Protein backbone atom coordinates (compact mmCIF):
# COMPACT_ATOMS: atom_id res chain seq x y z
CA MET A 1 4.55 -57.54 -87.24
CA TYR A 2 4.48 -53.60 -86.95
CA ASP A 3 1.48 -51.68 -88.04
CA ILE A 4 3.44 -48.78 -89.04
CA ILE A 5 7.44 -47.62 -88.88
CA THR A 6 8.43 -44.05 -88.68
CA ILE A 7 11.48 -42.82 -90.54
CA GLY A 8 12.45 -40.05 -89.27
CA ASP A 9 15.36 -37.93 -86.53
CA VAL A 10 14.89 -38.52 -82.95
CA ALA A 11 16.51 -35.66 -81.21
CA VAL A 12 16.99 -34.32 -77.59
CA ASP A 13 14.60 -31.25 -76.95
CA LEU A 14 15.34 -28.80 -74.59
CA TYR A 15 12.96 -26.65 -73.50
CA PHE A 16 13.47 -22.86 -71.42
CA LYS A 17 10.28 -20.87 -70.39
CA GLY A 18 10.24 -17.53 -68.34
CA THR A 19 8.78 -14.09 -67.80
CA ASP A 20 12.33 -12.92 -67.78
CA LEU A 21 12.64 -13.95 -71.74
CA PRO A 22 11.80 -10.49 -73.37
CA GLU A 23 9.55 -10.46 -76.33
CA GLU A 24 8.27 -7.76 -78.67
CA ARG A 25 6.09 -8.59 -81.92
CA ASP A 26 6.38 -11.79 -81.85
CA THR A 27 10.11 -11.31 -81.44
CA PHE A 28 12.69 -12.98 -78.29
CA GLN A 29 14.91 -9.56 -77.13
CA LEU A 30 17.48 -11.48 -76.14
CA ALA A 31 20.52 -9.15 -75.88
CA ILE A 32 24.40 -10.06 -76.95
CA GLY A 33 26.33 -11.45 -73.29
CA GLY A 34 22.78 -11.12 -71.93
CA LYS A 35 21.62 -14.00 -69.01
CA TYR A 36 18.32 -15.11 -68.60
CA GLN A 37 16.48 -16.71 -66.05
CA VAL A 38 13.43 -18.71 -67.13
CA GLN A 39 10.42 -20.62 -64.40
CA GLU A 40 10.26 -23.90 -66.05
CA VAL A 41 12.63 -26.42 -67.63
CA HIS A 42 12.16 -29.44 -69.36
CA THR A 43 14.06 -31.70 -71.30
CA GLY A 44 12.30 -34.44 -73.89
CA ILE A 45 12.73 -37.03 -76.65
CA GLY A 46 11.78 -34.95 -79.71
CA GLY A 47 11.85 -34.96 -83.99
CA CYS A 48 9.41 -36.49 -86.45
CA GLY A 49 10.52 -39.87 -86.30
CA ALA A 50 10.01 -40.29 -82.75
CA ASN A 51 7.30 -37.76 -81.58
CA VAL A 52 5.27 -39.69 -84.81
CA ALA A 53 6.15 -43.04 -83.30
CA PHE A 54 4.97 -41.92 -79.53
CA GLY A 55 1.66 -41.57 -80.82
CA LEU A 56 0.79 -44.33 -82.79
CA SER A 57 2.15 -46.34 -79.88
CA LYS A 58 -0.09 -44.78 -77.50
CA PHE A 59 -3.32 -45.16 -79.67
CA GLY A 60 -2.11 -48.98 -79.45
CA LEU A 61 -0.61 -49.51 -82.73
CA GLU A 62 2.56 -52.04 -83.23
CA ALA A 63 5.65 -49.10 -84.11
CA ALA A 64 8.53 -48.87 -84.19
CA VAL A 65 11.45 -46.18 -85.74
CA CYS A 66 13.92 -45.87 -87.76
CA SER A 67 16.78 -43.51 -86.75
CA LEU A 68 20.32 -42.52 -86.21
CA VAL A 69 20.79 -42.10 -82.34
CA GLY A 70 24.65 -41.32 -81.20
CA GLU A 71 26.70 -43.13 -79.01
CA ASN A 72 27.02 -40.12 -75.90
CA SER A 73 25.18 -38.89 -72.94
CA PHE A 74 22.17 -38.74 -74.39
CA LYS A 75 21.32 -42.57 -75.77
CA GLN A 76 20.46 -43.75 -72.32
CA LEU A 77 17.64 -41.09 -72.16
CA ILE A 78 16.40 -42.07 -76.22
CA MET A 79 16.09 -45.29 -75.95
CA GLN A 80 14.89 -45.14 -72.17
CA GLN A 81 12.09 -42.98 -73.53
CA LEU A 82 11.32 -45.35 -76.51
CA LEU A 83 11.15 -48.46 -74.82
CA ALA A 84 8.53 -46.91 -72.13
CA TYR A 85 6.39 -45.66 -74.71
CA SER A 86 6.69 -49.41 -76.72
CA VAL A 87 8.41 -48.06 -79.37
CA SER A 88 10.47 -50.90 -81.06
CA THR A 89 14.35 -49.57 -81.43
CA GLU A 90 14.99 -52.51 -84.02
CA PHE A 91 15.54 -50.03 -86.84
CA VAL A 92 17.68 -47.51 -84.83
CA LYS A 93 21.56 -47.28 -85.47
CA PHE A 94 24.20 -45.79 -83.47
CA ILE A 95 26.60 -43.91 -84.42
CA PRO A 96 29.58 -42.64 -82.11
CA ASP A 97 30.29 -38.91 -81.85
CA TYR A 98 26.12 -38.38 -83.67
CA LEU A 99 24.26 -35.32 -81.66
CA ASN A 100 20.76 -34.39 -82.14
CA ILE A 101 20.01 -31.39 -80.27
CA SER A 102 17.61 -28.86 -79.72
CA THR A 103 16.92 -25.96 -77.80
CA ILE A 104 13.30 -24.68 -77.32
CA LEU A 105 12.38 -21.12 -76.43
CA LEU A 106 8.73 -20.77 -75.34
CA SER A 107 7.15 -17.83 -75.57
CA SER A 108 3.92 -16.76 -73.52
CA THR A 109 1.78 -17.65 -75.76
CA GLY A 110 3.10 -21.24 -76.37
CA GLU A 111 4.73 -19.97 -79.61
CA ARG A 112 8.50 -21.41 -79.45
CA THR A 113 11.46 -20.67 -81.48
CA ILE A 114 13.78 -23.75 -82.17
CA ILE A 115 18.05 -23.39 -82.49
CA HIS A 116 18.82 -26.77 -83.57
CA TYR A 117 22.23 -29.18 -84.24
CA PRO A 118 22.28 -32.17 -86.26
CA SER A 119 25.71 -33.82 -86.70
CA PRO A 120 26.82 -32.48 -90.01
CA GLU A 121 27.62 -34.81 -92.97
CA ALA A 122 25.81 -38.08 -90.53
CA SER A 123 24.00 -40.94 -93.01
CA LEU A 124 21.22 -42.99 -92.14
CA GLU A 125 22.27 -45.88 -94.33
CA ILE A 126 19.20 -49.16 -94.31
CA ASP A 127 20.33 -52.34 -95.62
CA GLY A 128 19.17 -54.70 -97.62
CA MET A 129 18.81 -56.67 -94.75
CA MET A 130 16.73 -54.24 -92.85
CA LEU A 131 14.60 -53.13 -95.76
CA ASP A 132 13.74 -56.98 -95.92
CA HIS A 133 12.42 -56.62 -92.67
CA MET A 134 11.03 -53.28 -92.94
CA ALA A 135 8.71 -54.36 -95.70
CA GLN A 136 6.73 -57.17 -93.37
CA ALA A 137 5.57 -53.68 -92.07
CA THR A 138 1.74 -52.55 -92.86
CA TRP A 139 2.88 -48.69 -93.00
CA VAL A 140 5.89 -46.56 -93.26
CA TYR A 141 6.20 -43.08 -92.57
CA ILE A 142 8.52 -41.50 -93.88
CA GLY A 143 9.20 -37.36 -92.61
CA HIS A 144 11.90 -35.14 -91.66
CA THR A 145 15.29 -36.85 -92.10
CA PRO A 146 18.45 -34.90 -93.39
CA ASN A 147 20.62 -38.05 -93.27
CA LEU A 148 18.28 -39.17 -96.29
CA HIS A 149 18.85 -37.39 -99.66
CA HIS A 150 15.72 -36.73 -101.74
CA GLU A 151 16.93 -40.37 -104.52
CA GLU A 152 17.17 -41.91 -101.16
CA LYS A 153 14.09 -41.15 -99.84
CA ALA A 154 12.04 -42.09 -103.17
CA ALA A 155 13.70 -45.04 -103.45
CA LEU A 156 12.59 -46.29 -100.45
CA ILE A 157 8.87 -45.26 -101.17
CA THR A 158 9.22 -47.04 -104.63
CA PHE A 159 10.39 -50.00 -102.75
CA PHE A 160 7.76 -50.07 -100.35
CA ARG A 161 4.98 -49.72 -102.37
CA ASP A 162 6.66 -52.69 -104.66
CA HIS A 163 6.19 -54.28 -101.62
CA ASP A 164 3.03 -53.70 -101.04
CA VAL A 165 3.35 -51.35 -98.09
CA SER A 166 1.65 -48.08 -97.30
CA VAL A 167 3.58 -44.73 -97.28
CA ALA A 168 3.25 -41.54 -95.77
CA CYS A 169 5.21 -38.69 -96.12
CA GLY A 170 5.76 -35.73 -94.16
CA LEU A 171 7.81 -32.83 -96.09
CA GLY A 172 9.73 -30.23 -94.33
CA LEU A 173 12.26 -27.24 -95.34
CA HIS A 174 14.90 -29.69 -96.27
CA ASP A 175 12.84 -31.51 -98.65
CA LEU A 176 11.65 -28.42 -100.10
CA GLN A 177 14.75 -26.78 -100.98
CA ASN A 178 14.70 -29.31 -103.55
CA ARG A 179 10.41 -28.30 -105.03
CA GLU A 180 10.50 -30.47 -107.88
CA SER A 181 12.48 -33.81 -106.05
CA ALA A 182 9.87 -32.96 -103.04
CA MET A 183 6.69 -32.92 -105.83
CA ALA A 184 7.91 -36.36 -107.28
CA LEU A 185 7.48 -37.87 -103.76
CA THR A 186 4.12 -36.26 -103.44
CA LYS A 187 3.57 -38.26 -106.36
CA LYS A 188 5.07 -41.81 -104.77
CA ALA A 189 3.42 -41.67 -101.24
CA ASN A 190 -0.39 -43.20 -100.63
CA ILE A 191 -0.77 -40.33 -98.33
CA SER A 192 1.21 -36.56 -98.31
CA PHE A 193 1.38 -33.77 -94.77
CA MET A 194 2.56 -30.62 -95.30
CA ASN A 195 1.50 -27.20 -93.66
CA LEU A 196 -0.05 -24.55 -94.91
CA GLU A 197 3.44 -22.50 -95.36
CA GLU A 198 5.08 -25.54 -96.31
CA TYR A 199 2.68 -25.89 -99.59
CA ALA A 200 3.49 -22.18 -100.51
CA ALA A 201 6.90 -22.65 -100.86
CA LEU A 202 6.21 -26.08 -102.31
CA ILE A 203 4.02 -24.15 -105.36
CA ASN A 204 6.27 -21.42 -105.21
CA LYS A 205 3.49 -18.96 -103.83
CA ASP A 206 2.87 -16.78 -101.18
CA SER A 207 0.24 -18.67 -98.67
CA LYS A 208 -2.70 -15.87 -98.89
CA ASN A 209 -2.66 -15.91 -102.22
CA ILE A 210 -3.62 -20.07 -102.08
CA ASP A 211 -7.31 -20.82 -101.99
CA LEU A 212 -7.60 -23.46 -100.02
CA GLU A 213 -11.60 -24.63 -101.36
CA LYS A 214 -9.79 -25.92 -104.22
CA ASP A 215 -8.75 -28.66 -105.32
CA LEU A 216 -4.82 -28.14 -103.93
CA ARG A 217 -3.74 -31.51 -105.45
CA ARG A 218 -4.44 -30.21 -109.09
CA GLU A 219 -1.36 -28.22 -108.53
CA LEU A 220 0.93 -31.13 -107.94
CA SER A 221 -0.73 -33.29 -110.94
CA LEU A 222 -1.91 -35.62 -107.94
CA ASP A 223 -4.37 -38.56 -108.82
CA GLU A 224 -4.63 -41.39 -106.69
CA PRO A 225 -2.04 -39.53 -103.06
CA LEU A 226 -4.17 -38.05 -100.52
CA LEU A 227 -3.02 -34.61 -99.56
CA VAL A 228 -2.85 -33.16 -96.09
CA ILE A 229 -2.74 -29.67 -95.65
CA THR A 230 -2.94 -28.09 -92.06
CA GLU A 231 -3.30 -24.60 -90.73
CA GLY A 232 -2.86 -24.56 -87.33
CA ARG A 233 -5.88 -22.60 -85.94
CA GLU A 234 -7.80 -22.45 -88.95
CA GLY A 235 -7.92 -26.53 -89.05
CA SER A 236 -6.92 -28.63 -91.78
CA HIS A 237 -8.14 -29.91 -95.15
CA LEU A 238 -7.63 -32.97 -96.84
CA TYR A 239 -7.86 -33.25 -100.21
CA GLY A 240 -9.14 -36.77 -101.98
CA LYS A 241 -10.42 -38.23 -105.67
CA ASP A 242 -14.32 -38.03 -103.39
CA GLY A 243 -13.35 -33.91 -102.71
CA ILE A 244 -12.31 -31.76 -99.69
CA HIS A 245 -12.89 -31.55 -96.54
CA HIS A 246 -12.13 -29.22 -93.85
CA LEU A 247 -12.44 -29.79 -90.14
CA LYS A 248 -11.77 -26.49 -87.36
CA ALA A 249 -9.23 -27.25 -85.41
CA LYS A 250 -10.24 -27.60 -81.51
CA ASP A 251 -10.52 -24.65 -79.13
CA VAL A 252 -7.83 -25.99 -76.29
CA GLY A 253 -7.71 -22.23 -74.50
CA THR A 254 -4.17 -21.17 -73.76
CA ILE A 255 -2.14 -23.18 -75.56
CA VAL A 256 1.57 -24.33 -73.28
CA ASP A 257 4.01 -25.35 -76.32
CA SER A 258 3.21 -25.74 -80.14
CA THR A 259 6.40 -27.83 -80.85
CA GLY A 260 5.45 -31.35 -81.88
CA ALA A 261 1.66 -30.46 -82.29
CA GLY A 262 1.65 -30.88 -86.06
CA ASP A 263 3.57 -34.63 -85.70
CA ALA A 264 0.70 -35.63 -83.31
CA TYR A 265 -1.48 -34.68 -86.09
CA VAL A 266 0.10 -36.93 -88.32
CA ALA A 267 0.02 -39.82 -85.57
CA GLY A 268 -3.98 -39.33 -85.06
CA PHE A 269 -4.89 -39.51 -88.30
CA LEU A 270 -2.86 -42.50 -89.31
CA ALA A 271 -3.72 -44.37 -86.29
CA SER A 272 -7.54 -44.42 -87.55
CA TYR A 273 -6.69 -44.40 -91.10
CA THR A 274 -4.71 -47.23 -90.87
CA LYS A 275 -6.89 -49.04 -88.84
CA GLY A 276 -9.94 -48.59 -91.59
CA GLY A 277 -11.03 -45.17 -90.61
CA SER A 278 -12.79 -42.92 -92.78
CA VAL A 279 -11.40 -39.56 -94.01
CA GLU A 280 -13.25 -37.62 -91.76
CA GLU A 281 -12.43 -39.59 -88.19
CA ALA A 282 -8.83 -39.84 -89.12
CA MET A 283 -8.73 -36.09 -89.32
CA GLU A 284 -10.85 -35.83 -86.41
CA SER A 285 -8.85 -38.45 -84.46
CA ALA A 286 -5.69 -36.54 -85.43
CA THR A 287 -7.22 -32.71 -84.64
CA GLU A 288 -8.20 -34.42 -81.26
CA TYR A 289 -4.50 -35.42 -80.29
CA ALA A 290 -2.88 -32.74 -81.80
CA SER A 291 -5.02 -30.11 -79.19
CA GLN A 292 -4.21 -32.51 -76.33
CA ILE A 293 -0.09 -32.01 -77.26
CA LEU A 294 -0.66 -28.05 -77.59
CA LYS A 295 -2.05 -28.36 -73.25
CA ARG A 296 1.03 -29.89 -72.33
CA LEU A 297 4.88 -29.51 -72.55
CA GLY A 298 6.34 -31.18 -74.44
CA THR A 299 5.77 -33.60 -77.94
CA HIS A 300 3.99 -36.59 -76.61
């Protein structure tokens, strides 16, 4: 069946980049009523469900995505991209009038400001028959999925672990609104991915006061699960029973677009680790793939 199924959002991304977008102190200075011309525009498919699945497929894994897609003018674009990357759409659910779209303003340094609109009150309902098919996969990755409540995510992780399916989990700001539930998810999953700011929010500390050289799993009372913390240009740390591993980020020179770099890291890591690679090899794979994404416009 599938090597890995990603459960997460699929979005339409509209990118705009130009020298006429005024910046000051890492902030776009856009006037109300203003009109700005850009030199680059790009339409792509994003969202963690799609981004991670695209990356896994590039590495040669059999990947599928479970997500919501609206019955609208973007449906054909989304489905064409997924199929072009050989990502199975078996678990995609179609909903009338559903829209998940982001406008992404890119700065001169490749950093971005995202204006995101997800249709409110849309629910990703995974029925019993679908779950039985998904349980034939080797791994499942559960990422940013606003359409699923914490209790539903926890139930999914428990179901898959009970059916001998390994689970990786990516926590986003939506999950961190309930710190107690988010911590419970990290304990249930085999691997949890988050960036430093997300980890800081999870344990309610200032990121500047976190010592990455200490075993951060203790703050979450983790025993078996792996914890991966990414820190942008500073690289990544992995915490496991055999100790702490650190890998510096690659120097990519000029960053074109940082959108999707975190998802690329997850894809590169899982592509190696799920095929028997060591944690060191997985981190190398993740870092290399993420560095490639930073050098191009778009998330894959």
